[in-house]
Every structure is written in structure tokens, then in C-alpha cells.
Amino acid sequence: MANKIEDLKAKKDGLAVKAEIEYFAQIGWEAIDEDDLQHRLKWLGIFFRKTTPGKFMVRMRIPHGLVTSEQMLVMANVLERCGSDGVADITTRQNLQMRGIKIEDVPQMLSDFHGCGLTSVQSAMDNVRNITGSPVAGLDPDEIYDTRDLVLAVQNMITNHGEGNPEFTNLPRKFNIAIDGSRDNATHAEINDIAFVPAFQGEDFGFNILVGGFFSSRRVAAAVPLNAWAKPDQVVAICRGILEIFRDHGSRENRQKARLMYLIDDWGIEKFRQMLEDRLGYSLSAAAEQDLFTSHKQDHIGVHRQKQAGYSYVGLQIPVGRMYAHEMRELARLAQFYGSGEMRLTVEQNLIIAHVPDQNLPSLLAEPILERFPASPSFLVRGLVSCTGAQFCPVAIVETKNRSLELIQQLESDLSLTHPVRLHWSGCPNSCGQPQVADIGFIGCKARKNGKVVDGVDIYMGGKVGKDAHLGECVLEKVPCEDLREIVGNLLIQHFGAVPKKQLASV
């Protein structure tokens, strides 16, 4: 029996609300049909949030994390209309979410997006999410293949060039795709429903294909090899084929068991591959024996030489990915004044300014905003990632962004470290902050202390990124958040070589 979301989709496709936006703006959010308000607007990337009634969140589609200074200014303009409520967060899918938008401003917002090549269409609910790739594609001197055109081609196929594509608006559940041409597994390939991993067959370049990776509150699964290798010109068709299989055969009964991996479990990988080949009309080559992930995962913070002689890219650490309109304007100015106007977002929630001539580096690095968004952050801030948390997300159990920053400040006053440690926070078991890929990860829960229910976390350790990536495991459960300073401090001392400072007495 189909669930209520399937019933909702059967009555009216999510994209149908695109034609009703002007009407919604006129009648106001309180008069919008409940199913349209709570669900269908998400097909346009527009989220009603119970925690901020009347102030919506908008999730962009920024394929490959590529954004221009013009586009950043357009998004800053959107936030400025929101006044003090406007805030933007870089996500763990190289994307950007904006909060505080009023429904009456949405028609103008969508028009502004269209004018500068931005879109928010099909960015939520049962759609393909932002497609990720190496944030330094086309810049990295060690790059194997520049995947930017491939990522854009897949996005255009799925969204009909940003206009919306009903072929792929009714998947059984959300879906993630990564296409990586780097050596360091920049996209966390193993956590995607489809991942294209660089690999050579003889002298021919292509991709090994992984399928089925996902995080959820019910289950966490790493992607498994399809035992298939594809040339770059086959990538779009393979994505289409897998999406059609998932659309036509994925489970629609229990949304907790509707991700692609459950279909692979039911069929087995051999049948799944055969079904794909039937769709394609040809057989796929067996996977290459080795992929080309050969190096430790880079965070791209700091100054790095580009493949273009005389130029560097500069990675700025954006604490927990959060920015405000005036900061976005300033970052756009820096990108335009010191570089080419091109910026990149990363899965670590940071931002890169590309194509900076050597002679511009000293002045760029001296800009005041780099005190807030540093190119040389401290070791714990450098590896900090956080989901939205309870401040804005109705699903989150605990607040994450402000709490994680406060904990970092405490730990850095207590301890000295010699290398970065990746700390990832997720406010609930949905794992949007990807705690299972962290050195130390936190998943929000409720705990008990002195007979009272308090905010707590389950603590994960052992996640590895880059070559031979694997997911971490839970090592401590229901730890009260107020005890984290001492507990995490001890973990950093025992496992990561942290040294207590003189004033530290409790560790």
C-alpha cells in the first residue's frame, strides 16, 4: 500500500506549483493549501519551516559547487530583503541554502535566479539532489579529468536545463550523484547513490561505478561496486538509466526503505546491472582493477597553485558554512577584484576563490573579512562541519552550529594540536552533517543526567575519507552535551595527539 507522500504525488505533481507561485504570493502563506505548503513547494526548493512560520528556506542547485560573483550577489540581494532573518548556509553537497524568505518575494526571487543562470528546481523531496564534483576541477595540477561539463550535463538532463523535468520528479525517494575526476575522493564517493570514480582501462580514461550509498535514520550504507566501467560520454545515459530503474522499480510502500540500496538488496547487484544494460541497449565493460584515488582527502583550505601558470586558488574556511548577505557581497567583491569572479563551494562547507594572480595574493590575504573566514584556520575549526540543527530544522533533536562552535572554542583553550581533526555534527540520525565520515562525529539525541532529560549526542569515530574511505562506528551513546568538553578533550588526547595546556585541570 502506498504511503501518504505517494498519494500526494499521485494527486498532483510537485512541479505543478510552479504555475501557482504568483497566486501564492498574493494570498499569503497562511492561505496556501497544506499539501502545497508543506510538500509540493519543495519541488521548487522552497521549504516551509514550522520553527520560522512565514519565513521560508530556499535550497539552491549549484552543480559542482560552481558559483560566480554575479550569482553570489543575486543571492545576497534575496537575503537582504529578509532583513535580520536572512542567513545562508553552505551544505555538505556543495550547495547553498537561504533562510528567511517571504512568499511574497518568491516570484521576484525566481525571476532573478533565472536571469543569472541559477535554479532551485527539484532540489528537495523525491528528486536528485545537488550533483557534486571536485571543487578544484579545472584548477588542480594533479587532476585526472575535468568533470565540470559532465556534472552540468547530468543536471540539465535531470532538470531540463533548470526549467523542471517531470520525468524525474517522482522518484521513490531522494537520490545523490557524485562525479569525481580528482585523485583524493573529493566528493566522498562512497556515500552517494551513484558515484563515478576515476579509473583507466588500458590507455582509456573512464570511471568505475559505485551504487547505493546513503545515510538515513534507519540505516547507513556505503556504496557498492557495480563492476562496471564507463567512458565519459556514457555517464549521462547511465545516470538516466539508473534513475529510470529506480523510478520504475523502487519501493513506494515504506519511505524508510525506499532508497536505491534496498532495490539492490532485493535484486542483487548482477540483476541490477543487467537491468541497466537492458535500458542502455549495450553491455558495460567490467570495472577497472584499480581506481585512481591515490591520495589523502584534501580540504582545499589555504593558498594552492593552479594548473594555470601564475595563478592560485585560495580556500577560505567558513565556520559551519554560515554566511550573511553583507558577507556574501564582500566575498563576491574579493572574487571579482582579485580573481576572475569565480568561486567554488566544497562538501566541507567552505568556499574557494579561483584564478587569483600571484601578484594579488598578498592583498587578498590581508583583507579584513579573512579574519572571519580565514585561509589559515586553527586545526579544529578547519575540520568542523555541521548540519542546520534545531535552530532552523524541525527534524533536528539538538542545536548544532552554535553549539559546535562553542565546543571548538573551549577545546582550543584547553588543548594544543599538531594537525587537523575533522569534527562533524548532525542534529538527528538523518546524518545530514555526515558524522560517519568524520574523525569524531556527533549525532543529536536526548540523554539523561541527574534524572533529567537533556540534549545529548551519540559519538562516532574512525571515519576515513580519501583513498580507501570507510565509515566510522558509534563508540559512545547518549552523552550529555554539557559533558562534551571533557569527553571530547580526552578523545583528542588519547587518539589524536592533543596536548593539554597548563590551565587545563579537568582533562
Protein backbone atom coordinates (compact mmCIF):
# COMPACT_ATOMS: atom_id res chain seq x y z
CA MET A 1 0.00 0.00 0.00
CA ALA A 2 1.42 3.40 -0.99
CA ASN A 3 2.32 5.90 1.73
CA LYS A 4 0.82 9.38 2.10
CA ILE A 5 3.60 11.08 0.11
CA GLU A 6 2.92 8.75 -2.80
CA ASP A 7 -0.77 9.63 -2.57
CA LEU A 8 0.13 13.32 -2.59
CA LYS A 9 2.31 12.94 -5.67
CA ALA A 10 -0.36 10.93 -7.48
CA LYS A 11 -2.89 13.73 -6.98
CA LYS A 12 -0.65 16.50 -8.27
CA ASP A 13 2.94 16.58 -9.46
CA GLY A 14 5.22 18.73 -7.34
CA LEU A 15 6.24 20.87 -10.30
CA ALA A 16 2.63 21.96 -10.78
CA VAL A 17 3.06 24.64 -8.11
CA LYS A 18 5.50 26.45 -10.40
CA ALA A 19 2.49 27.90 -12.24
CA GLU A 20 0.89 28.96 -8.95
CA ILE A 21 3.72 30.95 -7.38
CA GLU A 22 2.26 34.35 -8.28
CA TYR A 23 -1.07 33.29 -6.77
CA PHE A 24 0.62 32.04 -3.58
CA ALA A 25 2.45 35.36 -3.26
CA GLN A 26 -0.88 37.20 -3.48
CA ILE A 27 -2.83 35.11 -0.98
CA GLY A 28 -0.03 34.73 1.59
CA TRP A 29 1.46 31.62 3.15
CA GLU A 30 -1.39 31.01 5.62
CA ALA A 31 -3.91 30.56 2.79
CA ILE A 32 -1.85 28.07 0.74
CA ASP A 33 -3.21 24.52 0.58
CA GLU A 34 -1.50 22.44 3.27
CA ASP A 35 -0.08 19.83 0.87
CA ASP A 36 1.29 22.55 -1.39
CA LEU A 37 2.73 24.45 1.57
CA GLN A 38 4.31 21.55 3.42
CA HIS A 39 5.38 19.39 0.49
CA ARG A 40 4.93 20.45 -3.14
CA LEU A 41 6.74 23.77 -2.78
CA LYS A 42 9.84 21.69 -2.04
CA TRP A 43 9.87 20.62 -5.69
CA LEU A 44 10.87 24.23 -6.35
CA GLY A 45 13.37 24.14 -3.48
CA ILE A 46 11.10 26.21 -1.21
CA PHE A 47 10.67 24.90 2.35
CA PHE A 48 8.03 25.93 4.86
CA ARG A 49 9.58 25.73 8.32
CA LYS A 50 7.45 25.38 11.46
CA THR A 51 10.28 26.85 13.51
CA THR A 52 10.07 30.10 11.47
CA PRO A 53 6.45 30.31 10.23
CA GLY A 54 6.07 32.61 7.24
CA LYS A 55 9.82 32.64 6.62
CA PHE A 56 10.85 30.02 4.11
CA MET A 57 14.13 28.26 3.37
CA VAL A 58 15.25 28.04 -0.26
CA ARG A 59 17.66 25.34 -1.37
CA MET A 60 19.62 26.11 -4.49
CA ARG A 61 21.04 23.80 -7.13
CA ILE A 62 24.70 24.69 -7.60
CA PRO A 63 26.17 21.79 -9.61
CA HIS A 64 29.80 21.08 -8.82
CA GLY A 65 29.68 23.97 -6.31
CA LEU A 66 30.43 26.44 -9.11
CA VAL A 67 29.18 29.95 -8.44
CA THR A 68 30.05 33.33 -9.96
CA SER A 69 30.34 36.66 -8.20
CA GLU A 70 27.21 37.81 -10.07
CA GLN A 71 25.24 34.83 -8.78
CA MET A 72 26.51 35.36 -5.25
CA LEU A 73 25.34 38.97 -5.39
CA VAL A 74 21.90 37.88 -6.61
CA MET A 75 21.59 35.53 -3.64
CA ALA A 76 22.81 38.26 -1.30
CA ASN A 77 20.05 40.51 -2.68
CA VAL A 78 17.49 37.81 -1.85
CA LEU A 79 18.73 37.67 1.74
CA GLU A 80 18.81 41.44 2.13
CA ARG A 81 15.04 41.51 1.54
CA CYS A 82 14.73 39.22 4.58
CA GLY A 83 16.27 41.74 6.96
CA SER A 84 17.76 40.29 10.14
CA ASP A 85 16.23 36.87 9.41
CA GLY A 86 18.33 36.32 6.28
CA VAL A 87 21.07 33.72 6.56
CA ALA A 88 22.80 31.40 4.09
CA ASP A 89 24.40 28.03 4.80
CA ILE A 90 26.80 26.13 2.57
CA THR A 91 25.79 22.47 2.67
CA THR A 92 27.67 19.18 2.59
CA ARG A 93 26.63 18.80 -1.06
CA GLN A 94 28.48 21.91 -2.30
CA ASN A 95 25.20 23.74 -2.26
CA LEU A 96 23.69 26.79 -0.63
CA GLN A 97 20.51 27.19 1.43
CA MET A 98 18.97 30.57 2.27
CA ARG A 99 16.62 31.28 5.15
CA GLY A 100 14.12 33.99 5.99
CA ILE A 101 12.47 34.33 2.56
CA LYS A 102 8.85 35.52 2.47
CA ILE A 103 6.40 34.01 0.00
CA GLU A 104 5.55 37.42 -1.46
CA ASP A 105 9.21 37.80 -2.52
CA VAL A 106 9.43 34.39 -4.22
CA PRO A 107 8.26 35.39 -7.76
CA GLN A 108 10.91 38.11 -7.99
CA MET A 109 13.48 35.77 -6.47
CA LEU A 110 12.84 33.06 -9.08
CA SER A 111 12.99 35.66 -11.85
CA ASP A 112 16.34 36.89 -10.53
CA PHE A 113 17.63 33.32 -10.39
CA HIS A 114 16.61 32.72 -13.99
CA GLY A 115 18.35 35.89 -15.11
CA CYS A 116 21.75 34.81 -13.81
CA GLY A 117 21.65 31.08 -14.51
CA LEU A 118 20.65 29.91 -11.04
CA THR A 119 17.85 27.49 -10.17
CA SER A 120 16.35 25.87 -7.10
CA VAL A 121 14.12 23.44 -9.00
CA GLN A 122 13.94 19.78 -7.95
CA SER A 123 16.32 20.30 -5.04
CA ALA A 124 14.27 18.53 -2.37
CA MET A 125 11.79 15.73 -1.65
CA ASP A 126 11.88 12.81 -4.10
CA ASN A 127 14.35 14.34 -6.53
CA VAL A 128 18.04 14.14 -7.35
CA ARG A 129 19.93 16.44 -5.01
CA ASN A 130 22.83 18.72 -5.92
CA ILE A 131 25.38 16.86 -8.06
CA THR A 132 28.87 17.02 -6.61
CA GLY A 133 32.35 17.02 -8.09
CA SER A 134 35.85 18.06 -7.09
CA PRO A 135 35.71 21.72 -6.02
CA VAL A 136 39.00 22.37 -7.83
CA ALA A 137 38.06 20.78 -11.15
CA GLY A 138 39.87 22.63 -13.91
CA LEU A 139 42.28 24.15 -11.37
CA ASP A 140 44.05 21.20 -9.76
CA PRO A 141 47.50 20.45 -11.26
CA ASP A 142 47.09 16.77 -10.28
CA GLU A 143 43.61 16.45 -11.75
CA ILE A 144 42.92 13.41 -13.90
CA TYR A 145 39.76 14.63 -15.63
CA ASP A 146 37.81 17.89 -15.50
CA THR A 147 34.26 16.79 -14.67
CA ARG A 148 32.51 20.18 -14.77
CA ASP A 149 30.85 19.68 -18.16
CA LEU A 150 29.71 16.17 -17.19
CA VAL A 151 28.11 17.35 -13.95
CA LEU A 152 26.30 20.15 -15.76
CA ALA A 153 25.12 17.76 -18.49
CA VAL A 154 23.67 15.37 -15.88
CA GLN A 155 21.96 18.27 -14.08
CA ASN A 156 20.49 19.53 -17.36
CA MET A 157 19.18 16.07 -18.19
CA ILE A 158 17.52 15.73 -14.79
CA THR A 159 16.08 19.26 -14.54
CA ASN A 160 15.53 20.15 -18.23
CA HIS A 161 18.14 22.91 -18.01
CA GLY A 162 16.69 24.20 -14.75
CA GLU A 163 13.11 24.51 -16.01
CA GLY A 164 11.92 21.32 -14.30
CA ASN A 165 11.60 17.82 -15.74
CA PRO A 166 8.55 15.67 -14.82
CA GLU A 167 10.46 12.55 -15.93
CA PHE A 168 12.39 12.68 -12.66
CA THR A 169 10.10 14.46 -10.21
CA ASN A 170 8.51 11.28 -8.90
CA LEU A 171 11.34 9.09 -7.62
CA PRO A 172 10.58 6.80 -4.67
CA ARG A 173 12.98 8.81 -2.51
CA LYS A 174 15.80 11.34 -2.72
CA PHE A 175 18.90 10.50 -4.75
CA ASN A 176 22.56 11.62 -4.71
CA ILE A 177 25.09 11.61 -7.56
CA ALA A 178 28.83 12.36 -7.48
CA ILE A 179 31.20 12.54 -10.47
CA ASP A 180 34.84 12.80 -9.47
CA GLY A 181 37.92 13.34 -11.61
CA SER A 182 40.36 14.05 -8.78
CA ARG A 183 42.87 11.81 -7.02
CA ASP A 184 41.65 12.47 -3.48
CA ASN A 185 37.99 11.37 -3.47
CA ALA A 186 36.88 14.97 -3.10
CA THR A 187 33.19 14.05 -3.26
CA HIS A 188 33.02 11.29 -0.60
CA ALA A 189 32.02 8.92 -3.41
CA GLU A 190 31.03 6.08 -1.09
CA ILE A 191 28.02 7.92 0.36
CA ASN A 192 26.24 8.53 -2.98
CA ASP A 193 23.51 6.58 -4.75
CA ILE A 194 25.67 6.77 -7.88
CA ALA A 195 29.36 7.63 -7.82
CA PHE A 196 31.67 7.81 -10.81
CA VAL A 197 35.23 7.13 -9.65
CA PRO A 198 38.20 7.85 -11.98
CA ALA A 199 39.87 4.76 -13.46
CA PHE A 200 41.83 3.78 -16.58
CA GLN A 201 41.16 0.77 -18.79
CA GLY A 202 44.46 0.44 -20.58
CA GLU A 203 45.10 3.89 -22.01
CA ASP A 204 41.44 4.90 -21.98
CA PHE A 205 40.13 7.13 -19.20
CA GLY A 206 36.76 6.46 -17.64
CA PHE A 207 35.00 5.81 -14.35
CA ASN A 208 34.33 2.81 -12.17
CA ILE A 209 30.73 2.97 -10.94
CA LEU A 210 29.57 2.63 -7.34
CA VAL A 211 25.89 2.44 -6.42
CA GLY A 212 23.63 2.53 -3.38
CA GLY A 213 25.43 4.64 -0.78
CA PHE A 214 23.24 6.63 1.62
CA PHE A 215 22.68 7.90 5.16
CA SER A 216 19.34 7.75 6.93
CA SER A 217 17.94 7.42 10.43
CA ARG A 218 17.14 3.76 9.75
CA ARG A 219 20.31 2.65 8.00
CA VAL A 220 23.74 3.82 6.84
CA ALA A 221 25.18 2.03 3.81
CA ALA A 222 28.37 2.53 1.82
CA ALA A 223 28.05 2.34 -1.96
CA VAL A 224 28.95 -0.99 -3.55
CA PRO A 225 30.79 -1.65 -6.84
CA LEU A 226 28.58 -2.21 -9.89
CA ASN A 227 31.55 -3.96 -11.54
CA ALA A 228 31.15 -1.59 -14.45
CA TRP A 229 33.38 0.98 -16.15
CA ALA A 230 32.13 3.83 -18.30
CA LYS A 231 33.67 6.33 -20.66
CA PRO A 232 32.83 9.98 -20.01
CA ASP A 233 30.40 10.09 -22.94
CA GLN A 234 28.39 7.26 -21.33
CA VAL A 235 27.87 8.99 -17.96
CA VAL A 236 24.67 10.89 -18.76
CA ALA A 237 22.97 7.82 -20.24
CA ILE A 238 24.00 5.66 -17.28
CA CYS A 239 22.59 8.20 -14.83
CA ARG A 240 19.37 8.30 -16.82
CA GLY A 241 19.15 4.51 -16.91
CA ILE A 242 19.70 4.05 -13.18
CA LEU A 243 17.23 6.81 -12.34
CA GLU A 244 14.59 5.26 -14.59
CA ILE A 245 15.12 1.87 -12.94
CA PHE A 246 14.82 3.42 -9.50
CA ARG A 247 11.75 5.42 -10.56
CA ASP A 248 10.00 2.41 -12.09
CA HIS A 249 11.00 -0.35 -9.66
CA GLY A 250 11.98 1.24 -6.33
CA SER A 251 9.77 0.58 -3.32
CA ARG A 252 6.99 3.07 -2.69
CA GLU A 253 5.44 1.48 0.38
CA ASN A 254 7.75 2.33 3.27
CA ARG A 255 9.72 5.56 2.88
CA GLN A 256 12.23 4.28 5.41
CA LYS A 257 13.10 1.50 2.95
CA ALA A 258 12.82 3.34 -0.34
CA ARG A 259 16.43 4.28 -1.15
CA LEU A 260 18.26 2.69 -4.07
CA MET A 261 20.25 0.27 -1.90
CA TYR A 262 17.07 -1.53 -0.85
CA LEU A 263 16.30 -2.26 -4.52
CA ILE A 264 19.85 -3.55 -4.97
CA ASP A 265 19.38 -5.72 -1.87
CA ASP A 266 16.18 -7.18 -3.34
CA TRP A 267 17.55 -7.84 -6.81
CA GLY A 268 21.24 -8.46 -6.20
CA ILE A 269 23.93 -6.48 -7.99
CA GLU A 270 24.04 -8.77 -11.05
CA LYS A 271 20.34 -8.35 -11.83
CA PHE A 272 20.59 -4.61 -11.20
CA ARG A 273 23.47 -4.32 -13.66
CA GLN A 274 21.61 -6.44 -16.23
CA MET A 275 18.54 -4.24 -15.94
CA LEU A 276 20.74 -1.21 -16.54
CA GLU A 277 22.34 -2.78 -19.61
CA ASP A 278 18.89 -3.61 -20.95
CA ARG A 279 17.94 0.06 -20.63
CA LEU A 280 21.16 1.21 -22.26
CA GLY A 281 20.96 -1.31 -25.11
CA TYR A 282 24.59 -2.40 -24.71
CA SER A 283 26.85 -4.24 -22.28
CA LEU A 284 29.05 -2.33 -19.89
CA SER A 285 32.75 -3.06 -19.55
CA ALA A 286 33.87 -4.70 -16.32
CA ALA A 287 35.30 -2.33 -13.74
CA ALA A 288 38.95 -1.41 -13.93
CA GLU A 289 41.07 -3.32 -11.42
CA GLN A 290 42.09 -0.13 -9.62
CA ASP A 291 40.58 3.29 -9.31
CA LEU A 292 42.77 6.39 -9.27
CA PHE A 293 42.04 7.57 -5.76
CA THR A 294 45.62 7.72 -4.56
CA SER A 295 45.92 10.50 -2.03
CA HIS A 296 44.62 11.74 1.30
CA LYS A 297 41.45 13.80 1.13
CA GLN A 298 42.27 17.48 0.75
CA ASP A 299 40.20 20.23 2.38
CA HIS A 300 41.47 22.87 -0.11
CA ILE A 301 41.94 25.46 2.64
CA GLY A 302 44.75 27.96 2.09
CA VAL A 303 46.70 29.04 -1.00
CA HIS A 304 47.26 26.40 -3.70
CA ARG A 305 48.93 26.63 -7.09
CA GLN A 306 46.64 26.12 -10.07
CA LYS A 307 47.49 24.25 -13.25
CA GLN A 308 47.35 27.67 -14.93
CA ALA A 309 50.81 29.23 -14.56
CA GLY A 310 50.91 32.33 -12.40
CA TYR A 311 47.56 31.67 -10.67
CA SER A 312 46.43 30.17 -7.37
CA TYR A 313 43.15 29.35 -5.73
CA VAL A 314 42.52 30.40 -2.14
CA GLY A 315 40.36 28.26 0.12
CA LEU A 316 38.57 30.09 2.91
CA GLN A 317 37.18 28.32 5.97
CA ILE A 318 33.54 29.32 6.52
CA PRO A 319 32.75 28.34 10.15
CA VAL A 320 29.88 25.79 9.97
CA GLY A 321 29.17 27.11 6.46
CA ARG A 322 27.18 30.13 7.66
CA MET A 323 27.15 33.50 5.87
CA TYR A 324 25.07 36.66 5.90
CA ALA A 325 24.18 38.93 2.99
CA HIS A 326 26.89 41.52 3.64
CA GLU A 327 29.49 38.77 3.88
CA MET A 328 28.34 37.22 0.62
CA ARG A 329 28.66 40.63 -1.02
CA GLU A 330 32.18 41.02 0.29
CA LEU A 331 33.21 37.53 -0.88
CA ALA A 332 31.79 38.32 -4.33
CA ARG A 333 33.80 41.54 -4.36
CA LEU A 334 37.01 39.71 -3.46
CA ALA A 335 36.44 37.10 -6.16
CA GLN A 336 35.82 39.78 -8.77
CA PHE A 337 38.57 42.20 -7.68
CA TYR A 338 41.36 39.72 -7.00
CA GLY A 339 40.35 36.84 -9.28
CA SER A 340 38.07 36.16 -12.24
CA GLY A 341 34.81 36.33 -10.27
CA GLU A 342 34.66 32.53 -9.97
CA MET A 343 34.08 30.78 -6.64
CA ARG A 344 33.67 27.17 -5.61
CA LEU A 345 31.75 25.64 -2.69
CA THR A 346 33.06 22.47 -1.02
CA VAL A 347 31.47 19.50 0.72
CA GLU A 348 33.27 20.68 3.87
CA GLN A 349 31.05 23.81 3.76
CA ASN A 350 33.91 26.10 2.73
CA LEU A 351 34.50 28.49 -0.18
CA ILE A 352 37.28 28.83 -2.75
CA ILE A 353 38.22 31.95 -4.69
CA ALA A 354 39.70 30.83 -8.00
CA HIS A 355 42.12 32.29 -10.56
CA VAL A 356 43.98 34.69 -8.27
CA PRO A 357 47.12 36.06 -9.99
CA ASP A 358 50.28 35.71 -7.91
CA GLN A 359 50.65 39.46 -7.53
CA ASN A 360 47.16 39.70 -5.96
CA LEU A 361 47.70 37.12 -3.23
CA PRO A 362 49.24 39.38 -0.53
CA SER A 363 46.45 41.94 -0.79
CA LEU A 364 43.71 39.31 -0.83
CA LEU A 365 45.13 37.57 2.24
CA ALA A 366 45.23 40.93 4.07
CA GLU A 367 41.53 41.65 3.53
CA PRO A 368 39.65 42.13 6.86
CA ILE A 369 36.95 39.54 6.11
CA LEU A 370 39.62 36.82 6.20
CA GLU A 371 39.68 37.29 9.96
CA ARG A 372 36.19 35.74 9.99
CA PHE A 373 36.73 33.42 7.02
CA PRO A 374 40.40 32.51 7.38
CA ALA A 375 42.74 30.94 4.85
CA SER A 376 44.80 29.57 7.77
CA PRO A 377 42.27 28.46 10.41
CA SER A 378 43.08 26.60 13.62
CA PHE A 379 43.20 22.82 13.46
CA LEU A 380 39.78 22.16 15.00
CA VAL A 381 37.90 24.92 13.19
CA ARG A 382 39.48 23.72 9.93
CA GLY A 383 37.76 20.34 10.12
CA LEU A 384 34.39 21.45 11.53
CA VAL A 385 31.19 20.55 9.67
CA SER A 386 27.63 20.95 10.93
CA CYS A 387 24.10 20.41 9.70
CA THR A 388 21.43 23.07 10.22
CA GLY A 389 20.44 21.86 13.67
CA ALA A 390 17.39 22.68 15.78
CA GLN A 391 17.69 26.44 15.30
CA PHE A 392 16.01 26.11 11.91
CA CYS A 393 15.40 22.42 11.15
CA PRO A 394 12.17 20.90 12.54
CA VAL A 395 13.64 17.39 12.43
CA ALA A 396 16.77 18.13 14.45
CA ILE A 397 16.86 16.98 18.07
CA VAL A 398 19.63 19.31 19.21
CA GLU A 399 21.11 22.65 18.16
CA THR A 400 24.37 22.09 16.29
CA LYS A 401 26.00 25.10 14.62
CA ASN A 402 26.34 27.42 17.60
CA ARG A 403 27.00 24.54 19.99
CA SER A 404 29.76 23.09 17.82
CA LEU A 405 31.49 26.47 17.55
CA GLU A 406 31.29 26.94 21.33
CA LEU A 407 32.78 23.48 21.91
CA ILE A 408 35.63 24.23 19.49
CA GLN A 409 36.44 27.43 21.39
CA GLN A 410 36.51 25.51 24.67
CA LEU A 411 38.70 22.71 23.30
CA GLU A 412 41.13 25.12 21.71
CA SER A 413 41.53 26.94 25.00
CA ASP A 414 42.22 23.58 26.68
CA LEU A 415 44.40 21.77 24.15
CA SER A 416 47.17 22.14 21.60
CA LEU A 417 47.04 20.06 18.40
CA THR A 418 49.58 19.42 15.67
CA HIS A 419 47.22 18.52 12.84
CA PRO A 420 43.56 18.98 11.82
CA VAL A 421 40.87 16.75 13.31
CA ARG A 422 37.58 16.50 11.44
CA LEU A 423 34.55 17.04 13.70
CA HIS A 424 31.12 16.58 12.07
CA TRP A 425 27.81 17.38 13.74
CA SER A 426 24.34 16.15 12.81
CA GLY A 427 21.31 17.23 14.83
CA CYS A 428 19.45 13.95 14.28
CA PRO A 429 20.04 10.42 12.93
CA ASN A 430 19.35 11.56 9.34
CA SER A 431 23.08 12.38 9.30
CA CYS A 432 22.97 15.47 7.08
CA GLY A 433 26.24 16.54 8.70
CA GLN A 434 27.81 13.22 7.65
CA PRO A 435 29.21 12.31 11.09
CA GLN A 436 30.11 8.81 9.91
CA VAL A 437 32.88 10.16 7.66
CA ALA A 438 34.48 12.23 10.45
CA ASP A 439 37.39 11.58 12.77
CA ILE A 440 34.88 12.34 15.53
CA GLY A 441 31.20 12.60 14.63
CA PHE A 442 28.18 13.63 16.68
CA ILE A 443 24.52 12.65 16.17
CA GLY A 444 21.96 14.51 18.24
CA CYS A 445 19.75 12.61 20.69
CA LYS A 446 18.22 13.01 24.11
CA ALA A 447 20.22 11.87 27.14
CA ARG A 448 19.64 11.72 30.87
CA LYS A 449 21.73 13.44 33.52
CA ASN A 450 20.89 13.63 37.20
CA GLY A 451 17.44 12.26 36.43
CA LYS A 452 16.66 14.94 33.84
CA VAL A 453 16.30 14.69 30.06
CA VAL A 454 18.95 16.84 28.39
CA ASP A 455 20.42 17.41 24.93
CA GLY A 456 22.89 14.69 24.06
CA VAL A 457 24.83 13.04 21.25
CA ASP A 458 25.97 9.65 20.10
CA ILE A 459 29.68 9.87 19.29
CA TYR A 460 31.19 8.19 16.22
CA MET A 461 34.86 7.64 15.47
CA GLY A 462 37.01 6.14 12.76
CA GLY A 463 35.53 7.61 9.59
CA LYS A 464 38.12 7.78 6.84
CA VAL A 465 37.97 9.92 3.71
CA GLY A 466 40.12 9.95 0.59
CA LYS A 467 41.63 6.68 -0.63
CA ASP A 468 40.12 3.51 0.89
CA ALA A 469 37.41 5.58 2.57
CA HIS A 470 35.19 3.88 5.11
CA LEU A 471 32.50 4.84 7.62
CA GLY A 472 33.06 5.27 11.34
CA GLU A 473 31.23 3.50 14.15
CA CYS A 474 29.44 4.60 17.29
CA VAL A 475 31.75 4.48 20.33
CA LEU A 476 29.70 6.35 22.94
CA GLU A 477 25.92 6.69 23.26
CA LYS A 478 23.69 9.34 24.82
CA VAL A 479 26.46 11.62 26.03
CA PRO A 480 25.05 14.83 27.57
CA CYS A 481 26.17 17.83 25.53
CA GLU A 482 27.24 19.65 28.68
CA ASP A 483 29.86 16.92 29.24
CA LEU A 484 31.41 17.12 25.79
CA ARG A 485 34.24 19.48 26.70
CA GLU A 486 35.88 16.91 28.95
CA ILE A 487 34.91 13.80 26.97
CA VAL A 488 35.95 15.08 23.55
CA GLY A 489 39.06 16.60 25.09
CA ASN A 490 40.06 13.16 26.34
CA LEU A 491 39.37 11.61 22.94
CA LEU A 492 41.60 14.21 21.29
CA ILE A 493 44.39 13.48 23.79
CA GLN A 494 44.10 9.69 23.55
CA HIS A 495 43.63 9.32 19.78
CA PHE A 496 44.88 12.47 18.05
CA GLY A 497 47.94 13.56 19.98
CA ALA A 498 46.43 16.65 21.58
CA VAL A 499 48.41 18.10 24.48
CA PRO A 500 46.71 19.78 27.47
CA LYS A 501 47.61 23.41 28.09
CA LYS A 502 48.77 24.43 31.56
CA GLN A 503 45.47 25.91 32.59
CA LEU A 504 43.59 22.68 31.84
CA ALA A 505 42.72 20.91 35.05
CA SER A 506 39.73 18.69 34.19
CA VAL A 507 41.31 16.53 31.45
